[in-house]
Amino acid sequence: MKILANDGISQSGIAKLEAAGHEVITTNVAQEQLQDYINKNDIAVLLVRSATTARKDLIDNCPTLKIIGRGGVGMDNIDVAYARDKGLKVINTPAASSASVAELVFAHLYGGVRFLYDANRNMPLEGETNFKGLKKQYAKGTELRGKTLGIIGIGRIGQEVAKIAAGVGMNVIAHDSYAASEPVISWELFDGQKIEVKIPLVEKDELLQNADFVTLHVPAQDKYVIGKEELGQMKNGAALVNAARGGVVDEVALVEALENEQISFAALDVFEKEPQPEVVLLMNSKLSLSPHIGAATNEAQDRIGTELADQIIQILG
């Protein structure tokens, strides 16, 4: 079978698929040319990340397709229910990138409480001429230890975030509309010792009012999870991280909250208008920014590739 990995796939995934007798094509085909390419090349499996979409028209007009796979968690760029109704298998890799996203959240948090997102902008410009001034400007950092982290969405990624938070001595609370009971997370240390922690579930209002830092781990939504009202409920000087999906945070309200010093800083890995985020976000000195790289580690890509390969081989036989 021919497999088009339009947004790429790890070499480990390619090796597994080729060993099973499949042909893997890693050509990046433009969205508007994708339908013709699939039909002309008898593609049976389309693998995407976040760049390529698989909507109803593509599904209707590509009869050779048997499987659509998403390398990652969210599948909002695929018309999943429609594809399945048409007899296609739709697969993803919900657990493969959880640890990578969680580590990025803490990269932003550590960078935020020590102003690294701003210091890294200003040191090349003023480090030689205004070293003492910059030292004074960034001298009032805080520690994460002992602070409260509020996690909205305590699924796989949220639980990985909770593990790191507990490990560095933070108090962790969570809100999740779909959680039936308080999750108990466990993990092993390097020497084999096992740690187990129960995460308290609270209402969203309570979380926003008590958390020093709020991090979002929810799927795409029809409306904002954090808007003007929610930002107004947050503790004065708190901070917000969104490494979930663009569109779950009202970016206009966020900029206003930053400018009014209602919150101290925010971190965004995802944006409402990807791949062209609003300039007002890119230029804001209180925003720590990254270009949607939550799952972009070598280790996560290896796991994604091999998990997709395993599922495809099982389906195709």
Protein backbone atom coordinates (compact mmCIF):
# COMPACT_ATOMS: atom_id res chain seq x y z
CA MET A 1 0.00 0.00 0.00
CA LYS A 2 1.12 3.57 -0.66
CA ILE A 3 1.27 5.87 2.36
CA LEU A 4 1.59 9.64 2.00
CA ALA A 5 3.07 11.24 5.11
CA ASN A 6 2.27 14.75 3.96
CA ASP A 7 3.54 16.53 7.07
CA GLY A 8 6.43 14.12 7.60
CA ILE A 9 7.04 11.02 9.71
CA SER A 10 10.01 9.80 11.72
CA GLN A 11 12.56 7.46 10.17
CA SER A 12 11.62 4.84 12.75
CA GLY A 13 8.02 4.94 11.51
CA ILE A 14 9.13 4.72 7.89
CA ALA A 15 11.35 1.73 8.66
CA LYS A 16 8.51 -0.16 10.34
CA LEU A 17 6.10 0.49 7.48
CA GLU A 18 8.61 -0.43 4.80
CA ALA A 19 9.52 -3.62 6.66
CA ALA A 20 5.83 -4.53 6.50
CA GLY A 21 5.88 -4.08 2.72
CA HIS A 22 4.35 -0.61 2.40
CA GLU A 23 5.67 2.31 0.35
CA VAL A 24 6.08 5.55 2.31
CA ILE A 25 6.05 8.86 0.43
CA THR A 26 7.20 11.95 2.33
CA THR A 27 6.62 14.50 -0.42
CA ASN A 28 4.90 17.58 0.99
CA VAL A 29 1.95 18.23 -1.30
CA ALA A 30 0.20 21.61 -1.20
CA GLN A 31 -3.33 21.43 0.18
CA GLU A 32 -4.92 22.53 -3.12
CA GLN A 33 -3.04 19.79 -5.01
CA LEU A 34 -3.57 17.04 -2.47
CA GLN A 35 -6.72 15.51 -3.99
CA ASP A 36 -5.16 15.10 -7.42
CA TYR A 37 -1.95 13.69 -5.96
CA ILE A 38 -3.79 11.08 -3.89
CA ASN A 39 -5.86 9.95 -6.87
CA LYS A 40 -3.01 9.88 -9.39
CA ASN A 41 -0.77 7.89 -7.05
CA ASP A 42 -3.35 5.50 -5.56
CA ILE A 43 -2.63 6.63 -2.01
CA ALA A 44 -4.28 4.35 0.56
CA VAL A 45 -3.13 6.11 3.73
CA LEU A 46 -2.86 9.85 4.35
CA LEU A 47 -0.84 10.90 7.39
CA VAL A 48 -1.02 14.50 8.59
CA ARG A 49 0.06 16.67 11.48
CA SER A 50 -1.44 20.13 11.99
CA ALA A 51 -0.56 21.68 8.61
CA THR A 52 -2.70 19.48 6.32
CA THR A 53 -6.49 19.18 6.52
CA ALA A 54 -8.71 16.29 5.52
CA ARG A 55 -12.21 17.64 4.99
CA LYS A 56 -15.37 16.24 3.45
CA ASP A 57 -14.50 17.17 -0.14
CA LEU A 58 -11.14 15.38 0.07
CA ILE A 59 -12.77 12.33 1.65
CA ASP A 60 -15.53 12.25 -1.00
CA ASN A 61 -13.17 12.67 -3.93
CA CYS A 62 -10.37 10.26 -2.97
CA PRO A 63 -11.84 6.74 -3.25
CA THR A 64 -8.46 5.03 -2.79
CA LEU A 65 -8.11 6.30 0.78
CA LYS A 66 -8.56 3.70 3.48
CA ILE A 67 -6.91 5.39 6.48
CA ILE A 68 -6.36 8.95 7.64
CA GLY A 69 -3.85 9.28 10.44
CA ARG A 70 -3.03 12.28 12.63
CA GLY A 71 0.42 12.40 14.19
CA GLY A 72 -0.60 13.93 17.51
CA VAL A 73 -3.58 14.34 19.78
CA GLY A 74 -6.24 16.70 18.41
CA MET A 75 -7.99 15.82 15.15
CA ASP A 76 -9.81 19.09 14.52
CA ASN A 77 -8.15 19.32 11.08
CA ILE A 78 -9.93 16.10 10.03
CA ASP A 79 -13.67 15.56 9.55
CA VAL A 80 -13.44 12.47 11.71
CA ALA A 81 -17.09 11.43 12.02
CA TYR A 82 -17.71 11.96 8.31
CA ALA A 83 -14.65 9.92 7.35
CA ARG A 84 -15.70 7.06 9.59
CA ASP A 85 -19.24 7.16 8.22
CA LYS A 86 -17.68 6.74 4.78
CA GLY A 87 -15.86 3.62 5.97
CA LEU A 88 -12.40 5.10 6.50
CA LYS A 89 -10.31 4.35 9.56
CA VAL A 90 -9.17 7.49 11.40
CA ILE A 91 -6.28 7.09 13.82
CA ASN A 92 -4.08 9.31 15.97
CA THR A 93 -1.39 9.08 18.64
CA PRO A 94 -2.89 10.62 21.77
CA ALA A 95 -0.14 9.64 24.23
CA ALA A 96 3.02 10.00 22.17
CA SER A 97 3.66 13.71 22.64
CA SER A 98 2.26 14.30 26.13
CA ALA A 99 5.62 14.50 27.90
CA SER A 100 7.05 16.84 25.25
CA VAL A 101 4.15 19.29 25.58
CA ALA A 102 4.39 19.18 29.37
CA GLU A 103 8.10 20.00 29.28
CA LEU A 104 7.44 22.96 26.97
CA VAL A 105 4.83 24.28 29.42
CA PHE A 106 7.50 24.31 32.12
CA ALA A 107 10.08 25.81 29.81
CA HIS A 108 7.66 28.73 29.41
CA LEU A 109 6.87 28.83 33.13
CA TYR A 110 10.50 28.86 34.23
CA GLY A 111 11.32 31.41 31.57
CA GLY A 112 8.34 33.49 32.65
CA VAL A 113 9.05 33.74 36.36
CA ARG A 114 12.65 34.77 35.62
CA PHE A 115 11.78 37.10 32.69
CA LEU A 116 13.90 35.11 30.24
CA TYR A 117 11.43 35.73 27.41
CA ASP A 118 12.17 39.45 27.71
CA ALA A 119 15.81 39.23 28.80
CA ASN A 120 16.62 37.20 25.71
CA ARG A 121 15.21 40.01 23.57
CA ASN A 122 17.04 42.81 25.35
CA MET A 123 20.43 41.34 26.20
CA PRO A 124 21.63 41.37 22.55
CA LEU A 125 20.47 44.99 22.27
CA GLU A 126 21.55 46.43 25.63
CA GLY A 127 23.69 43.83 27.35
CA GLU A 128 26.95 45.61 26.55
CA THR A 129 25.78 49.15 27.32
CA ASN A 130 23.14 48.64 30.03
CA PHE A 131 24.12 45.46 31.87
CA LYS A 132 23.46 46.86 35.35
CA GLY A 133 20.15 48.34 34.25
CA LEU A 134 18.97 45.02 32.86
CA LYS A 135 20.18 43.21 35.97
CA LYS A 136 18.02 45.51 38.09
CA GLN A 137 15.09 45.18 35.69
CA TYR A 138 15.05 41.38 35.90
CA ALA A 139 16.07 41.01 39.55
CA LYS A 140 12.62 40.35 41.01
CA GLY A 141 12.00 36.83 39.78
CA THR A 142 9.96 34.29 41.70
CA GLU A 143 10.14 30.53 42.27
CA LEU A 144 7.64 27.95 41.12
CA ARG A 145 8.12 25.87 44.26
CA GLY A 146 5.28 26.43 46.70
CA LYS A 147 3.03 28.12 44.14
CA THR A 148 -0.33 26.79 42.90
CA LEU A 149 -0.69 25.50 39.36
CA GLY A 150 -4.21 25.29 37.97
CA ILE A 151 -4.61 22.80 35.11
CA ILE A 152 -7.70 23.13 32.92
CA GLY A 153 -8.06 19.75 31.23
CA ILE A 154 -6.53 16.87 33.18
CA GLY A 155 -6.21 14.32 30.37
CA ARG A 156 -2.95 12.75 29.25
CA ILE A 157 -1.05 16.01 28.75
CA GLY A 158 -2.55 17.65 31.81
CA GLN A 159 -1.44 14.70 33.92
CA GLU A 160 2.10 14.90 32.54
CA VAL A 161 2.13 18.59 33.50
CA ALA A 162 0.89 17.66 36.97
CA LYS A 163 3.75 15.19 37.41
CA ILE A 164 6.37 17.85 36.74
CA ALA A 165 4.55 20.37 38.93
CA ALA A 166 4.35 17.93 41.84
CA GLY A 167 8.01 17.06 41.35
CA VAL A 168 9.15 20.66 41.72
CA GLY A 169 7.01 21.22 44.82
CA MET A 170 3.98 23.00 43.40
CA ASN A 171 0.45 22.69 44.69
CA VAL A 172 -1.68 21.31 41.85
CA ILE A 173 -5.41 21.75 41.30
CA ALA A 174 -7.40 20.87 38.20
CA HIS A 175 -10.69 21.47 36.46
CA ASP A 176 -12.09 19.09 33.87
CA SER A 177 -15.71 18.96 32.76
CA TYR A 178 -15.34 15.34 31.67
CA ALA A 179 -13.42 13.87 34.62
CA ALA A 180 -15.58 11.51 36.64
CA SER A 181 -13.26 11.38 39.64
CA GLU A 182 -10.07 12.93 40.95
CA PRO A 183 -7.19 11.47 38.93
CA VAL A 184 -4.38 9.64 40.68
CA ILE A 185 -1.15 10.08 38.78
CA SER A 186 1.90 7.91 39.33
CA TRP A 187 5.39 7.73 37.90
CA GLU A 188 8.74 6.13 38.58
CA LEU A 189 11.90 7.98 39.56
CA PHE A 190 15.29 7.18 38.07
CA ASP A 191 16.02 4.68 40.87
CA GLY A 192 12.73 2.80 40.57
CA GLN A 193 10.88 4.50 43.40
CA LYS A 194 7.22 5.10 42.60
CA ILE A 195 5.44 8.38 43.32
CA GLU A 196 1.65 8.61 43.52
CA VAL A 197 -0.35 11.83 43.82
CA LYS A 198 -4.09 12.54 43.76
CA ILE A 199 -5.03 15.76 41.94
CA PRO A 200 -7.97 17.66 43.47
CA LEU A 201 -10.73 18.64 41.04
CA VAL A 202 -12.32 22.07 41.54
CA GLU A 203 -14.76 24.28 39.68
CA LYS A 204 -13.23 26.57 37.06
CA ASP A 205 -14.04 29.71 39.05
CA GLU A 206 -12.25 28.33 42.10
CA LEU A 207 -9.24 27.33 40.02
CA LEU A 208 -8.93 30.76 38.44
CA GLN A 209 -9.25 32.52 41.78
CA ASN A 210 -6.61 30.40 43.53
CA ALA A 211 -4.00 29.50 40.92
CA ASP A 212 -0.77 31.44 40.57
CA PHE A 213 -0.35 29.88 37.14
CA VAL A 214 -3.03 28.51 34.82
CA THR A 215 -2.27 26.10 31.98
CA LEU A 216 -4.75 24.88 29.37
CA HIS A 217 -4.90 21.34 27.99
CA VAL A 218 -8.22 21.12 26.20
CA PRO A 219 -9.31 20.26 22.64
CA ALA A 220 -10.53 22.87 20.16
CA GLN A 221 -13.67 24.63 21.38
CA ASP A 222 -16.60 26.52 19.87
CA LYS A 223 -16.02 29.37 22.34
CA TYR A 224 -13.22 30.72 24.49
CA VAL A 225 -12.26 28.80 27.60
CA ILE A 226 -10.41 31.87 28.85
CA GLY A 227 -11.97 35.20 27.92
CA LYS A 228 -12.27 38.63 29.47
CA GLU A 229 -14.44 37.35 32.34
CA GLU A 230 -12.10 34.48 33.21
CA LEU A 231 -9.00 36.69 33.04
CA GLY A 232 -10.76 39.03 35.45
CA GLN A 233 -11.23 36.15 37.89
CA MET A 234 -7.53 35.27 37.97
CA LYS A 235 -5.35 36.35 40.88
CA ASN A 236 -3.66 39.69 40.39
CA GLY A 237 -0.19 38.95 39.02
CA ALA A 238 -1.01 35.38 37.97
CA ALA A 239 0.15 33.97 34.63
CA LEU A 240 -1.39 31.92 31.82
CA VAL A 241 0.02 29.27 29.47
CA ASN A 242 -1.74 28.00 26.34
CA ALA A 243 -0.04 25.07 24.64
CA ALA A 244 -3.35 23.44 23.71
CA ARG A 245 -5.17 24.95 20.73
CA GLY A 246 -5.46 28.37 19.17
CA GLY A 247 -8.90 29.81 19.83
CA VAL A 248 -9.34 28.62 23.41
CA VAL A 249 -7.97 31.94 24.72
CA ASP A 250 -9.36 35.33 23.71
CA GLU A 251 -6.14 36.95 22.51
CA VAL A 252 -7.58 40.48 22.49
CA ALA A 253 -8.67 40.14 26.12
CA LEU A 254 -5.30 38.57 26.97
CA VAL A 255 -3.33 41.53 25.60
CA GLU A 256 -5.61 43.90 27.51
CA ALA A 257 -5.04 41.95 30.75
CA LEU A 258 -1.27 42.10 30.21
CA GLU A 259 -1.28 45.81 29.45
CA ASN A 260 -3.44 46.52 32.53
CA GLU A 261 -1.02 44.41 34.64
CA GLN A 262 -3.95 42.24 35.64
CA ILE A 263 -1.74 39.22 34.93
CA SER A 264 2.06 39.26 35.00
CA PHE A 265 2.88 37.31 31.85
CA ALA A 266 1.47 34.76 29.46
CA ALA A 267 2.92 32.07 27.22
CA LEU A 268 1.50 30.98 23.87
CA ASP A 269 2.59 28.04 21.76
CA VAL A 270 -0.62 28.15 19.71
CA PHE A 271 -2.51 31.02 18.11
CA GLU A 272 -5.93 31.85 16.72
CA LYS A 273 -4.49 32.86 13.35
CA GLU A 274 -1.78 30.32 12.64
CA PRO A 275 0.46 30.48 10.72
CA GLN A 276 0.22 34.29 10.88
CA PRO A 277 -0.24 35.30 14.52
CA GLU A 278 -1.35 38.84 15.23
CA VAL A 279 1.56 41.29 15.31
CA VAL A 280 0.27 42.70 18.60
CA LEU A 281 1.06 39.32 20.15
CA LEU A 282 4.47 38.96 18.55
CA MET A 283 5.56 42.39 19.75
CA ASN A 284 4.21 42.19 23.31
CA SER A 285 7.04 42.23 25.84
CA LYS A 286 5.03 40.25 28.41
CA LEU A 287 4.40 37.28 26.15
CA SER A 288 6.61 34.21 25.98
CA LEU A 289 6.14 32.79 22.50
CA SER A 290 6.92 29.61 20.56
CA PRO A 291 5.72 28.51 17.08
CA HIS A 292 3.45 25.52 17.93
CA ILE A 293 6.31 23.20 18.90
CA GLY A 294 4.72 21.40 21.84
CA ALA A 295 5.13 17.96 20.29
CA ALA A 296 8.25 18.83 18.31
CA THR A 297 10.93 16.79 20.05
CA ASN A 298 12.95 14.00 18.50
CA GLU A 299 11.66 11.55 21.09
CA ALA A 300 8.01 12.46 20.53
CA GLN A 301 8.38 12.24 16.76
CA ASP A 302 9.87 8.75 17.09
CA ARG A 303 6.98 7.66 19.30
CA ILE A 304 4.42 9.21 16.94
CA GLY A 305 5.96 7.51 13.90
CA THR A 306 6.16 4.07 15.44
CA GLU A 307 2.66 4.28 16.96
CA LEU A 308 1.16 5.29 13.61
CA ALA A 309 3.07 2.49 11.90
CA ASP A 310 1.84 -0.10 14.40
CA GLN A 311 -1.78 0.98 13.93
CA ILE A 312 -1.54 1.03 10.14
CA ILE A 313 0.07 -2.42 10.00
CA GLN A 314 -2.62 -3.80 12.29
CA ILE A 315 -5.43 -2.34 10.14
CA LEU A 316 -3.98 -3.26 6.76
CA GLY A 317 -2.63 -6.61 7.86
